[in-house]
Amino acid sequence: MSEILIVSDNQTRIDTLKIILTFLGENCRSTSYAECLSVITNNQSLAAILIDGETPEIAEETIEKFPESPFINIGFQLNSDKAFKNLIGSLYEPITYPSLTELLRKSEDYYTANRPISSLVSGKTKLFRSLVGNSKGITEVRELIEQVAPVEANVIILGESGTGKEVVARNIHYMSKRQKGPFVPVNCGAIPGDLLESELFGHEKGAFTGAISARKGRFEMAEGGTLFLDEIGDMPLQMQVKLLRVLQERIFERVGGVKTLKCNVRIIAATHRNLENMINEGTFREDLFYRLNVFPIETPALRERAQDIPLLLQELVSRLEGARQASVKFTQGAMRSLMAHSWPGNVRELSNLVERLSILHPSHVIDLKHLPHKYQYDENGSIQQEETSLDETAERDAINAMFRYAEANPTAPEGISPSAENLAPMDTALPSDGVNLKEYLSDLEISLIRQALDKQDWVVARAADQLGMRRTTLVEKMRKYEISRQKETDNN
């Protein structure tokens, strides 16, 4: 099992790093400078070594002695001008999540490239960064993955849509003996039933209309690796029979072919459906269920592990930064609000939200007000009342002011432009030649604002009160229509 080693004589720094790494789900240990040479020599599964640069000379000497091991310098600037190939980078306090995870990812790549495959036992750092969180449910999932990955048992992954079932399947594959082979996913619900057989088993030339050449199926493409059958509950019954035969006998034929082909493929299936209920309803074969249900793993819904949302947000933001996209940060208020949401779309919904916010508010700090309304919850966990936008509020206030003025002044106000002359404010009769309603309302609004300002000697607060709107709304209206006392004086 790979792990992360902390090399330092500063106990405070060691404790801080252990807290951070444990929080990320990483397997870590520490050692002093005096013991580090023997520890590194005797441990061939160090995915990263975080070395305290407080004593630069000793740190550089250690880095140079172990060229196959990836090092991350912590806390201090090294003195040497040497370019150490295995020095992945440096971190300076305060250590941030994105910078640490990015260097750990680079360390893992270096570690993989410089170690024989036999020494890569579990690839745990990659696993834990794919399934972040400290809740009981996600911790159990990680443990089950580690247990089942080295063996050849069939696995079925259960859980709601968007909970990361394919992520679990990929981690099982990359931690198994088949990691060098292909990982081939198939969504059984996205392929029409009459095409699914050809998609899985392939076809020979002329097997059906349009089969102008022979084609390999997903089983052949996954030879020596893993075939992931997503949404297995959507597979038609006739295909379930053929899949059962492959699982039992490890042989199949292409559509339209007579040659029997052997397959060496590990099957991992997934579904959001309740297969036991489907068995009772006669829509899923019981014998296939027990073939697949050797080792079940249930992925928890995001609402059941809301405590993991801050870590998930950090991971999603880190991925955006890794892809060199504009990232965002979240305030505590925004995080608390997101933790109160029910997340029917689970982690996929959260991922989509983060990407949307990064487009709408690139490189900004996301507060509660920046979240879409359905994600805005108050401190009691109740969704907040939707606030009307400034434009809608201004429009509503202006229209209300017009009608209040019209009730008090049954004749049309002076100053209305010719386009509105034929329609009194409260007159519901439409002129025979029609009216441009937008222009009419704008002209009427301008006239009322000017009259109110004139009557109140251009004291905006009193004019706003007379018009029945907020002062800020009136200021916005004056700016929109370029109404000012100076301009009115110049025009007169």
Protein backbone atom coordinates (compact mmCIF):
# COMPACT_ATOMS: atom_id res chain seq x y z
CA MET A 1 0.00 0.00 0.00
CA SER A 2 1.47 3.35 -1.01
CA GLU A 3 1.72 6.10 1.57
CA ILE A 4 3.02 9.62 2.09
CA LEU A 5 6.05 10.20 4.32
CA ILE A 6 6.66 13.42 6.25
CA VAL A 7 10.34 14.13 7.04
CA SER A 8 10.75 16.79 9.72
CA ASP A 9 12.14 17.48 13.20
CA ASN A 10 9.44 20.10 13.81
CA GLN A 11 6.60 18.35 15.66
CA THR A 12 4.17 21.23 15.15
CA ARG A 13 4.71 21.09 11.38
CA ILE A 14 4.34 17.29 11.43
CA ASP A 15 1.04 17.49 13.31
CA THR A 16 -0.30 20.14 10.93
CA LEU A 17 0.58 18.12 7.83
CA LYS A 18 -0.85 14.92 9.30
CA ILE A 19 -4.15 16.66 10.01
CA ILE A 20 -4.34 17.96 6.44
CA LEU A 21 -3.40 14.65 4.81
CA THR A 22 -5.70 12.60 7.05
CA PHE A 23 -8.50 15.01 6.23
CA LEU A 24 -7.84 14.29 2.55
CA GLY A 25 -8.01 10.56 3.23
CA GLU A 26 -4.32 9.95 2.58
CA ASN A 27 -2.29 7.27 4.34
CA CYS A 28 0.68 9.07 5.94
CA ARG A 29 3.44 8.65 8.49
CA SER A 30 6.34 10.75 9.74
CA THR A 31 10.01 10.34 10.57
CA SER A 32 12.89 12.50 11.78
CA TYR A 33 15.87 13.52 9.67
CA ALA A 34 18.03 11.10 11.66
CA GLU A 35 15.86 8.14 10.68
CA CYS A 36 14.70 9.18 7.22
CA LEU A 37 17.46 7.50 5.20
CA SER A 38 16.70 4.04 6.57
CA VAL A 39 12.92 4.59 6.38
CA ILE A 40 13.04 5.62 2.71
CA THR A 41 15.48 2.83 1.83
CA ASN A 42 13.25 0.17 3.40
CA ASN A 43 9.96 1.50 2.04
CA GLN A 44 9.38 1.08 -1.69
CA SER A 45 5.79 2.33 -1.69
CA LEU A 46 6.19 6.03 -0.85
CA ALA A 47 3.97 7.87 -3.32
CA ALA A 48 5.29 11.21 -2.03
CA ILE A 49 7.82 12.46 0.52
CA LEU A 50 7.07 15.81 2.15
CA ILE A 51 10.45 17.02 3.37
CA ASP A 52 10.89 19.95 5.73
CA GLY A 53 13.30 22.41 4.12
CA GLU A 54 14.22 24.09 7.40
CA THR A 55 17.68 22.51 7.07
CA PRO A 56 18.26 22.98 3.33
CA GLU A 57 21.60 21.16 3.08
CA ILE A 58 20.28 17.94 4.62
CA ALA A 59 17.07 18.15 2.61
CA GLU A 60 18.97 18.48 -0.67
CA GLU A 61 21.27 15.60 0.24
CA THR A 62 18.28 13.37 0.97
CA ILE A 63 16.53 14.33 -2.26
CA GLU A 64 19.65 13.58 -4.27
CA LYS A 65 20.12 10.13 -2.71
CA PHE A 66 16.72 8.82 -3.80
CA PRO A 67 16.19 9.83 -7.45
CA GLU A 68 13.27 7.38 -7.89
CA SER A 69 11.25 8.90 -5.04
CA PRO A 70 9.16 12.08 -5.54
CA PHE A 71 9.87 14.84 -2.99
CA ILE A 72 7.86 17.95 -2.07
CA ASN A 73 9.74 20.68 -0.21
CA ILE A 74 7.76 22.16 2.67
CA GLY A 75 8.11 25.56 4.25
CA PHE A 76 11.50 26.90 3.17
CA GLN A 77 13.48 27.89 0.09
CA LEU A 78 16.28 25.48 -0.78
CA ASN A 79 19.76 26.93 -1.31
CA SER A 80 21.12 24.75 -4.10
CA ASP A 81 21.00 25.74 -7.75
CA LYS A 82 20.77 22.07 -8.70
CA ALA A 83 17.75 20.99 -10.68
CA PHE A 84 16.51 17.85 -8.94
CA LYS A 85 14.37 15.83 -11.32
CA ASN A 86 12.56 14.22 -8.40
CA LEU A 87 11.79 17.51 -6.60
CA ILE A 88 8.18 17.92 -7.68
CA GLY A 89 7.74 21.37 -6.17
CA SER A 90 7.68 23.49 -3.01
CA LEU A 91 4.88 24.48 -0.67
CA TYR A 92 5.00 27.50 1.60
CA GLU A 93 2.82 28.13 4.62
CA PRO A 94 -0.07 28.59 4.82
CA ILE A 95 -0.54 25.44 2.74
CA THR A 96 -3.64 25.52 0.49
CA TYR A 97 -5.70 22.55 -0.64
CA PRO A 98 -5.37 23.16 -4.42
CA SER A 99 -1.58 23.53 -4.32
CA LEU A 100 -1.12 20.44 -2.14
CA THR A 101 -3.41 18.20 -4.20
CA GLU A 102 -1.80 19.36 -7.43
CA LEU A 103 1.69 18.45 -6.16
CA LEU A 104 0.43 15.13 -4.80
CA ARG A 105 -1.02 14.37 -8.22
CA LYS A 106 2.31 15.19 -9.89
CA SER A 107 4.14 13.10 -7.31
CA GLU A 108 1.89 10.16 -8.08
CA ASP A 109 2.65 10.48 -11.80
CA TYR A 110 6.39 10.56 -11.08
CA TYR A 111 6.08 7.62 -8.68
CA THR A 112 4.19 5.57 -11.27
CA ALA A 113 6.64 6.36 -14.05
CA ASN A 114 9.69 5.41 -11.97
CA ARG A 115 8.51 2.24 -10.24
CA PRO A 116 7.90 -1.24 -11.65
CA ILE A 117 4.23 -2.20 -11.89
CA SER A 118 4.69 -4.90 -9.22
CA SER A 119 5.50 -2.26 -6.62
CA LEU A 120 2.31 -0.28 -7.25
CA VAL A 121 0.09 -2.17 -4.89
CA SER A 122 -2.96 0.01 -4.47
CA GLY A 123 -2.65 3.48 -5.96
CA LYS A 124 -4.44 4.80 -2.90
CA THR A 125 -3.67 8.47 -3.39
CA LYS A 126 -5.52 8.47 -6.71
CA LEU A 127 -8.36 6.54 -5.16
CA PHE A 128 -8.84 8.92 -2.26
CA ARG A 129 -8.71 12.04 -4.39
CA SER A 130 -11.43 10.54 -6.58
CA LEU A 131 -13.67 9.70 -3.62
CA VAL A 132 -13.03 12.48 -1.14
CA GLY A 133 -14.82 12.74 2.17
CA ASN A 134 -14.70 11.59 5.77
CA SER A 135 -18.30 10.47 6.25
CA LYS A 136 -19.00 6.90 7.29
CA GLY A 137 -20.62 5.99 3.96
CA ILE A 138 -17.77 7.09 1.68
CA THR A 139 -15.14 5.66 4.07
CA GLU A 140 -16.84 2.26 3.83
CA VAL A 141 -16.88 2.51 0.03
CA ARG A 142 -13.12 3.14 -0.02
CA GLU A 143 -12.51 0.17 2.25
CA LEU A 144 -14.67 -2.13 0.11
CA ILE A 145 -12.83 -1.04 -3.04
CA GLU A 146 -9.49 -1.94 -1.49
CA GLN A 147 -10.82 -5.33 -0.42
CA VAL A 148 -12.34 -6.39 -3.73
CA ALA A 149 -9.88 -4.85 -6.21
CA PRO A 150 -7.13 -7.52 -5.95
CA VAL A 151 -9.55 -10.45 -6.51
CA GLU A 152 -11.51 -11.41 -9.63
CA ALA A 153 -15.00 -11.39 -8.10
CA ASN A 154 -17.87 -9.80 -10.01
CA VAL A 155 -18.96 -6.50 -8.46
CA ILE A 156 -22.29 -4.70 -8.58
CA ILE A 157 -22.41 -1.03 -7.60
CA LEU A 158 -25.73 0.27 -6.33
CA GLY A 159 -26.80 3.85 -5.75
CA GLU A 160 -28.70 6.83 -7.09
CA SER A 161 -27.75 8.53 -10.34
CA GLY A 162 -24.84 10.92 -9.94
CA THR A 163 -23.31 9.27 -6.86
CA GLY A 164 -20.11 8.26 -8.65
CA LYS A 165 -20.69 4.62 -9.53
CA GLU A 166 -18.36 4.78 -12.53
CA VAL A 167 -15.70 6.43 -10.37
CA VAL A 168 -15.90 3.44 -8.02
CA ALA A 169 -15.64 1.04 -10.97
CA ARG A 170 -12.60 2.81 -12.39
CA ASN A 171 -10.83 2.70 -9.04
CA ILE A 172 -11.49 -1.03 -8.70
CA HIS A 173 -9.95 -1.50 -12.14
CA TYR A 174 -6.88 0.70 -11.53
CA MET A 175 -6.18 -1.00 -8.19
CA SER A 176 -6.53 -4.51 -9.63
CA LYS A 177 -4.12 -6.80 -11.43
CA ARG A 178 -5.86 -5.75 -14.65
CA GLN A 179 -4.75 -2.12 -14.36
CA LYS A 180 -2.61 -2.42 -17.50
CA GLY A 181 -5.61 -3.66 -19.48
CA PRO A 182 -8.44 -1.51 -20.88
CA PHE A 183 -11.39 -0.18 -18.92
CA VAL A 184 -14.41 -0.22 -21.23
CA PRO A 185 -17.70 1.38 -20.06
CA VAL A 186 -21.09 0.63 -21.62
CA ASN A 187 -24.34 2.38 -20.67
CA CYS A 188 -26.95 -0.32 -21.18
CA GLY A 189 -29.78 2.19 -20.85
CA ALA A 190 -28.48 4.46 -23.60
CA ILE A 191 -28.33 1.79 -26.33
CA PRO A 192 -31.55 0.48 -27.96
CA GLY A 193 -32.24 -3.15 -27.11
CA ASP A 194 -31.97 -4.34 -30.72
CA LEU A 195 -28.47 -2.83 -31.00
CA LEU A 196 -27.13 -3.82 -27.60
CA GLU A 197 -26.15 -7.36 -28.64
CA SER A 198 -24.04 -6.06 -31.52
CA GLU A 199 -22.54 -3.40 -29.23
CA LEU A 200 -21.48 -5.97 -26.63
CA PHE A 201 -20.48 -8.94 -28.78
CA GLY A 202 -19.68 -7.34 -32.14
CA HIS A 203 -20.92 -8.52 -35.54
CA GLU A 204 -19.69 -10.09 -38.75
CA LYS A 205 -19.93 -8.47 -42.17
CA GLY A 206 -23.44 -8.79 -43.58
CA ALA A 207 -24.97 -9.86 -40.25
CA PHE A 208 -27.71 -7.28 -40.73
CA THR A 209 -28.58 -4.31 -42.93
CA GLY A 210 -25.80 -1.76 -42.61
CA ALA A 211 -23.16 -4.22 -41.38
CA ILE A 212 -20.76 -3.45 -44.22
CA SER A 213 -17.76 -4.81 -42.31
CA ALA A 214 -16.95 -6.93 -39.28
CA ARG A 215 -16.75 -5.08 -35.97
CA LYS A 216 -15.45 -5.94 -32.53
CA GLY A 217 -17.81 -5.65 -29.59
CA ARG A 218 -17.11 -4.27 -26.13
CA PHE A 219 -16.20 -7.70 -24.75
CA GLU A 220 -13.37 -8.03 -27.27
CA MET A 221 -12.30 -4.44 -26.68
CA ALA A 222 -12.08 -5.11 -22.93
CA GLU A 223 -10.02 -8.30 -23.30
CA GLY A 224 -7.57 -8.56 -20.40
CA GLY A 225 -9.23 -5.65 -18.62
CA THR A 226 -12.57 -4.61 -17.15
CA LEU A 227 -16.00 -4.20 -18.74
CA PHE A 228 -18.25 -1.78 -16.87
CA LEU A 229 -21.94 -2.38 -17.54
CA ASP A 230 -23.68 0.75 -16.31
CA GLU A 231 -27.45 0.76 -15.75
CA ILE A 232 -27.62 -3.03 -15.98
CA GLY A 233 -31.24 -2.81 -14.79
CA ASP A 234 -32.20 -1.34 -18.17
CA MET A 235 -30.91 -4.37 -20.10
CA PRO A 236 -33.68 -6.27 -21.98
CA LEU A 237 -34.48 -9.78 -20.75
CA GLN A 238 -33.26 -11.49 -23.94
CA MET A 239 -29.88 -9.81 -23.51
CA GLN A 240 -29.76 -10.83 -19.88
CA VAL A 241 -29.85 -14.47 -20.97
CA LYS A 242 -26.89 -13.99 -23.31
CA LEU A 243 -24.91 -12.07 -20.70
CA LEU A 244 -25.51 -14.86 -18.18
CA ARG A 245 -24.02 -17.37 -20.60
CA VAL A 246 -20.86 -15.25 -20.96
CA LEU A 247 -20.52 -14.98 -17.19
CA GLN A 248 -20.93 -18.73 -16.76
CA GLU A 249 -18.93 -20.11 -19.68
CA ARG A 250 -16.65 -17.17 -20.62
CA ILE A 251 -17.44 -17.63 -24.33
CA PHE A 252 -19.60 -15.78 -26.90
CA GLU A 253 -20.16 -15.39 -30.66
CA ARG A 254 -20.43 -12.24 -32.71
CA VAL A 255 -23.80 -11.44 -34.22
CA GLY A 256 -24.01 -13.35 -37.51
CA GLY A 257 -20.87 -15.35 -36.65
CA VAL A 258 -20.31 -19.05 -35.97
CA LYS A 259 -16.88 -18.86 -34.38
CA THR A 260 -16.88 -19.14 -30.59
CA LEU A 261 -14.64 -16.58 -28.92
CA LYS A 262 -13.21 -16.84 -25.44
CA CYS A 263 -13.14 -13.80 -23.18
CA ASN A 264 -10.95 -12.86 -20.27
CA VAL A 265 -12.85 -9.90 -18.88
CA ARG A 266 -13.80 -8.79 -15.40
CA ILE A 267 -17.41 -7.62 -15.14
CA ILE A 268 -18.43 -4.70 -12.96
CA ALA A 269 -22.11 -3.74 -13.15
CA ALA A 270 -24.00 -0.76 -11.77
CA THR A 271 -27.59 0.35 -11.45
CA HIS A 272 -29.79 2.88 -9.69
CA ARG A 273 -32.74 0.48 -9.77
CA ASN A 274 -33.87 -1.98 -7.09
CA LEU A 275 -33.05 -5.27 -8.81
CA GLU A 276 -34.78 -7.40 -6.17
CA ASN A 277 -38.06 -5.62 -6.87
CA MET A 278 -37.45 -6.09 -10.60
CA ILE A 279 -36.98 -9.83 -10.00
CA ASN A 280 -40.39 -9.97 -8.27
CA GLU A 281 -41.90 -8.07 -11.20
CA GLY A 282 -40.30 -10.44 -13.72
CA THR A 283 -38.18 -7.78 -15.44
CA PHE A 284 -34.77 -8.98 -14.22
CA ARG A 285 -33.45 -12.52 -14.10
CA GLU A 286 -32.79 -13.89 -10.64
CA ASP A 287 -29.93 -16.13 -11.78
CA LEU A 288 -28.15 -13.16 -13.40
CA PHE A 289 -28.65 -11.10 -10.25
CA TYR A 290 -26.86 -13.69 -8.11
CA ARG A 291 -24.08 -13.97 -10.67
CA LEU A 292 -23.47 -10.23 -10.50
CA ASN A 293 -24.20 -9.74 -6.81
CA VAL A 294 -21.06 -11.49 -5.57
CA PHE A 295 -19.69 -8.30 -4.04
CA PRO A 296 -22.16 -5.40 -3.77
CA ILE A 297 -21.00 -1.82 -3.08
CA GLU A 298 -23.58 0.86 -2.31
CA THR A 299 -22.62 4.47 -3.03
CA PRO A 300 -24.23 6.90 -0.57
CA ALA A 301 -26.38 9.79 -1.77
CA LEU A 302 -24.85 13.23 -1.30
CA ARG A 303 -27.64 14.30 1.08
CA GLU A 304 -26.54 11.45 3.37
CA ARG A 305 -22.99 12.82 3.57
CA ALA A 306 -23.51 16.57 3.52
CA GLN A 307 -20.46 16.96 5.78
CA ASP A 308 -18.29 16.01 2.78
CA ILE A 309 -19.51 18.92 0.63
CA PRO A 310 -16.69 21.36 1.64
CA LEU A 311 -14.08 18.76 0.64
CA LEU A 312 -15.93 17.98 -2.58
CA LEU A 313 -16.05 21.67 -3.44
CA GLN A 314 -12.30 21.94 -2.91
CA GLU A 315 -11.71 18.90 -5.10
CA LEU A 316 -13.93 20.22 -7.90
CA VAL A 317 -12.29 23.65 -7.77
CA SER A 318 -8.88 21.99 -7.81
CA ARG A 319 -9.83 20.13 -10.98
CA LEU A 320 -10.89 23.38 -12.63
CA GLU A 321 -7.54 24.91 -11.74
CA GLY A 322 -5.76 21.81 -13.02
CA ALA A 323 -7.58 22.24 -16.33
CA ARG A 324 -6.52 25.91 -16.29
CA GLN A 325 -10.10 27.11 -16.11
CA ALA A 326 -11.26 30.05 -14.02
CA SER A 327 -11.91 28.80 -10.50
CA VAL A 328 -13.99 30.11 -7.63
CA LYS A 329 -13.89 30.11 -3.84
CA PHE A 330 -16.82 29.70 -1.46
CA THR A 331 -17.65 31.59 1.72
CA GLN A 332 -18.71 29.70 4.84
CA GLY A 333 -22.25 31.00 4.34
CA ALA A 334 -22.42 29.58 0.81
CA MET A 335 -21.03 26.24 2.00
CA ARG A 336 -23.59 26.01 4.82
CA SER A 337 -26.36 26.73 2.35
CA LEU A 338 -25.14 24.05 -0.06
CA MET A 339 -24.93 21.56 2.79
CA ALA A 340 -28.64 22.16 3.50
CA HIS A 341 -29.69 21.27 -0.07
CA SER A 342 -31.13 17.80 -0.78
CA TRP A 343 -29.06 17.24 -3.99
CA PRO A 344 -31.36 15.00 -6.06
CA GLY A 345 -28.62 14.91 -8.73
CA ASN A 346 -25.95 14.09 -6.13
CA VAL A 347 -22.26 14.76 -6.87
CA ARG A 348 -22.95 15.25 -10.59
CA GLU A 349 -25.33 18.09 -9.72
CA LEU A 350 -22.73 19.66 -7.42
CA SER A 351 -20.06 19.38 -10.13
CA ASN A 352 -22.32 21.05 -12.68
CA LEU A 353 -23.10 23.86 -10.24
CA VAL A 354 -19.42 24.56 -9.57
CA GLU A 355 -18.68 24.68 -13.30
CA ARG A 356 -21.63 27.01 -13.89
CA LEU A 357 -20.53 29.36 -11.10
CA SER A 358 -16.97 29.40 -12.48
CA ILE A 359 -18.41 30.62 -15.80
CA LEU A 360 -20.78 33.19 -14.27
CA HIS A 361 -18.35 34.47 -11.62
CA PRO A 362 -14.80 33.59 -12.75
CA SER A 363 -12.12 33.98 -10.06
CA HIS A 364 -14.67 35.35 -7.57
CA VAL A 365 -15.59 34.45 -4.02
CA ILE A 366 -19.04 32.84 -4.11
CA ASP A 367 -21.36 34.03 -1.36
CA LEU A 368 -24.94 33.02 -0.63
CA LYS A 369 -26.34 35.71 -2.95
CA HIS A 370 -24.37 34.32 -5.92
CA LEU A 371 -25.98 30.89 -5.67
CA PRO A 372 -29.08 30.09 -7.76
CA HIS A 373 -32.19 30.62 -5.66
CA LYS A 374 -32.96 26.94 -5.14
CA TYR A 375 -29.60 26.53 -3.38
CA GLN A 376 -30.12 29.47 -1.01
CA TYR A 377 -31.03 28.31 2.50
CA ASP A 378 -31.23 30.31 5.70
CA GLU A 379 -29.70 29.33 9.02
CA ASN A 380 -32.74 27.19 9.85
CA GLY A 381 -32.27 25.11 6.70
CA SER A 382 -35.33 26.62 4.99
CA ILE A 383 -35.11 27.90 1.44
CA GLN A 384 -35.02 31.68 1.36
CA GLN A 385 -37.76 33.77 -0.13
CA GLU A 386 -36.88 34.65 -3.70
CA GLU A 387 -35.86 38.25 -4.03
CA THR A 388 -37.07 40.25 -6.98
CA SER A 389 -34.27 41.60 -9.15
CA LEU A 390 -33.55 45.32 -9.20
CA ASP A 391 -34.96 45.73 -12.69
CA GLU A 392 -38.16 43.88 -11.79
CA THR A 393 -38.53 45.86 -8.57
CA ALA A 394 -37.97 49.16 -10.36
CA GLU A 395 -40.48 48.22 -13.06
CA ARG A 396 -43.07 47.23 -10.48
CA ASP A 397 -42.53 50.37 -8.38
CA ALA A 398 -42.72 52.61 -11.43
CA ILE A 399 -45.96 51.07 -12.67
CA ASN A 400 -47.52 51.29 -9.21
CA ALA A 401 -46.45 54.95 -9.01
CA MET A 402 -48.06 55.63 -12.39
CA PHE A 403 -51.39 54.20 -11.31
CA ARG A 404 -51.34 55.98 -7.97
CA TYR A 405 -50.64 59.27 -9.78
CA ALA A 406 -53.33 58.52 -12.34
CA GLU A 407 -55.94 57.93 -9.64
CA ALA A 408 -55.12 61.29 -8.08
CA ASN A 409 -54.89 63.09 -11.46
CA PRO A 410 -57.59 61.88 -13.85
CA THR A 411 -56.24 64.02 -16.68
CA ALA A 412 -53.06 63.09 -18.49
CA PRO A 413 -49.96 64.74 -16.99
CA GLU A 414 -48.17 67.44 -18.85
CA GLY A 415 -45.01 66.46 -20.61
CA ILE A 416 -46.25 63.21 -22.07
CA SER A 417 -44.74 62.71 -25.50
CA PRO A 418 -46.94 62.66 -28.62
CA SER A 419 -46.79 58.87 -28.76
CA ALA A 420 -48.89 58.70 -25.61
CA GLU A 421 -51.21 61.65 -26.17
CA ASN A 422 -54.20 59.58 -27.24
CA LEU A 423 -54.23 57.35 -24.13
CA ALA A 424 -55.04 58.63 -20.64
CA PRO A 425 -53.24 56.87 -17.78
CA MET A 426 -56.28 54.98 -16.54
CA ASP A 427 -58.06 54.77 -19.87
CA THR A 428 -58.39 51.12 -20.92
CA ALA A 429 -59.55 51.93 -24.45
CA LEU A 430 -56.89 51.23 -27.04
CA PRO A 431 -56.62 53.91 -29.78
CA SER A 432 -57.65 52.76 -33.24
CA ASP A 433 -54.15 53.31 -34.58
CA GLY A 434 -52.58 51.38 -31.69
CA VAL A 435 -49.84 52.44 -29.30
CA ASN A 436 -46.22 51.57 -28.60
CA LEU A 437 -46.72 50.41 -25.03
CA LYS A 438 -43.05 50.37 -24.14
CA GLU A 439 -42.53 53.94 -25.33
CA TYR A 440 -45.76 55.05 -23.69
CA LEU A 441 -44.75 53.68 -20.30
CA SER A 442 -41.25 55.13 -20.60
CA ASP A 443 -42.58 58.57 -21.51
CA LEU A 444 -45.13 58.46 -18.71
CA GLU A 445 -42.49 57.32 -16.25
CA ILE A 446 -40.10 60.14 -17.25
CA SER A 447 -42.86 62.69 -16.93
CA LEU A 448 -43.92 61.51 -13.47
CA ILE A 449 -40.34 61.45 -12.22
CA ARG A 450 -39.68 64.99 -13.48
CA GLN A 451 -42.90 66.31 -11.93
CA ALA A 452 -42.18 64.67 -8.58
CA LEU A 453 -38.62 66.06 -8.56
CA ASP A 454 -39.87 69.55 -9.47
CA LYS A 455 -42.53 69.49 -6.76
CA GLN A 456 -40.00 68.36 -4.15
CA ASP A 457 -37.33 70.87 -5.28
CA TRP A 458 -35.19 68.00 -6.55
CA VAL A 459 -34.89 66.36 -3.13
CA VAL A 460 -34.62 62.75 -4.38
CA ALA A 461 -35.71 61.09 -1.13
CA ARG A 462 -38.96 63.08 -0.94
CA ALA A 463 -39.64 62.60 -4.66
CA ALA A 464 -39.16 58.85 -4.26
CA ASP A 465 -41.56 58.85 -1.34
CA GLN A 466 -44.17 60.67 -3.40
CA LEU A 467 -43.73 58.16 -6.23
CA GLY A 468 -43.98 55.23 -3.79
CA MET A 469 -40.57 53.75 -4.62
CA ARG A 470 -37.22 53.35 -2.90
CA ARG A 471 -34.69 56.14 -3.18
CA THR A 472 -32.14 53.79 -4.78
CA THR A 473 -34.70 52.75 -7.38
CA LEU A 474 -35.41 56.38 -8.26
CA VAL A 475 -31.66 57.08 -8.54
CA GLU A 476 -31.34 54.14 -10.96
CA LYS A 477 -34.26 55.46 -12.99
CA MET A 478 -32.73 58.94 -13.15
CA ARG A 479 -29.45 57.45 -14.32
CA LYS A 480 -31.25 55.30 -16.89
CA TYR A 481 -33.16 58.25 -18.38
CA GLU A 482 -30.30 60.73 -17.85
CA ILE A 483 -32.45 62.98 -15.69
CA SER A 484 -30.54 65.59 -13.67
CA ARG A 485 -31.26 69.04 -12.32
CA GLN A 486 -28.46 70.56 -14.37
CA LYS A 487 -29.84 69.12 -17.62
CA GLU A 488 -33.34 70.30 -16.80
CA THR A 489 -32.00 73.82 -16.12
CA ASP A 490 -30.00 73.82 -19.36
CA ASN A 491 -33.03 72.67 -21.36
CA ASN A 492 -35.19 75.41 -19.92
